[in-house]
Protein backbone atom coordinates (compact mmCIF):
# COMPACT_ATOMS: atom_id res chain seq x y z
CA MET A 1 -5.16 119.49 -35.16
CA SER A 2 -5.68 118.72 -31.51
CA SER A 3 -3.63 120.18 -28.72
CA GLY A 4 -0.66 118.26 -27.42
CA THR A 5 3.05 118.09 -27.89
CA ALA A 6 4.63 118.38 -31.31
CA ARG A 7 5.45 114.67 -31.01
CA ASP A 8 1.79 113.82 -30.39
CA LYS A 9 0.73 116.00 -33.32
CA LEU A 10 3.21 114.27 -35.62
CA ILE A 11 1.94 110.84 -34.61
CA GLU A 12 -1.66 111.93 -35.19
CA ALA A 13 -0.70 113.33 -38.60
CA SER A 14 0.95 110.00 -39.36
CA TYR A 15 -2.30 108.14 -38.72
CA ASP A 16 -4.01 110.29 -41.29
CA LEU A 17 -1.28 110.43 -43.92
CA MET A 18 0.68 107.19 -43.65
CA LEU A 19 -2.27 104.91 -43.07
CA ASN A 20 -4.28 106.48 -45.91
CA ALA A 21 -1.70 107.49 -48.55
CA GLY A 22 0.98 105.01 -47.56
CA TYR A 23 4.36 105.27 -45.93
CA GLY A 24 6.28 105.80 -49.17
CA ALA A 25 3.96 108.53 -50.42
CA THR A 26 4.17 110.53 -47.20
CA THR A 27 6.99 113.04 -46.86
CA VAL A 28 8.41 114.71 -43.78
CA ASP A 29 7.15 118.00 -45.24
CA ASP A 30 3.63 116.52 -45.54
CA LEU A 31 3.74 115.35 -41.93
CA CYS A 32 4.98 118.68 -40.61
CA ALA A 33 2.37 120.61 -42.59
CA ARG A 34 -0.49 118.38 -41.38
CA ALA A 35 0.75 118.50 -37.78
CA GLY A 36 1.35 122.25 -37.89
CA VAL A 37 4.93 121.91 -36.64
CA SER A 38 8.33 122.86 -38.01
CA LYS A 39 10.80 120.45 -39.54
CA GLY A 40 13.06 121.25 -36.59
CA SER A 41 10.37 119.87 -34.28
CA PHE A 42 10.15 116.74 -36.38
CA TYR A 43 13.89 116.11 -36.13
CA HIS A 44 13.89 116.96 -32.43
CA PHE A 45 11.65 113.97 -31.74
CA PHE A 46 12.49 111.63 -34.63
CA LYS A 47 15.81 111.07 -36.38
CA THR A 48 14.10 109.70 -39.50
CA LYS A 49 10.69 109.11 -41.04
CA GLU A 50 11.25 105.43 -40.28
CA GLU A 51 11.57 106.23 -36.57
CA LEU A 52 8.25 108.09 -36.71
CA GLY A 53 6.70 105.13 -38.54
CA LEU A 54 7.81 102.83 -35.73
CA ALA A 55 6.38 105.26 -33.14
CA LEU A 56 3.11 105.19 -35.09
CA LEU A 57 3.04 101.39 -34.97
CA ASP A 58 3.79 101.43 -31.22
CA ASP A 59 0.97 103.92 -30.66
CA PHE A 60 -1.42 101.90 -32.81
CA PHE A 61 -0.56 98.72 -30.89
CA SER A 62 -1.02 100.48 -27.53
CA ARG A 63 -4.41 101.89 -28.54
CA SER A 64 -5.54 98.54 -29.92
CA LYS A 65 -4.42 96.73 -26.78
CA SER A 66 -6.26 99.23 -24.57
CA ASN A 67 -9.43 98.90 -26.65
CA PHE A 68 -9.22 95.10 -26.56
CA LEU A 69 -8.69 94.96 -22.79
CA SER A 70 -11.44 97.48 -22.03
CA GLY A 71 -14.03 96.04 -24.39
């Protein structure tokens, strides 16, 4: 896992897990394990898995927009 904040690591883990296995099949425990962070860190940044899913979509949109505008 790359360096960065626990929040960044959780979003990166979400790309891998949620986009490949699906939102419903991904647990908070899975996300924390993949990101290498504690459950306390998860709940510090996100109240729910749904909130993390929305952050993932925001990040995906931002990256896509940047790629579109630069390319």
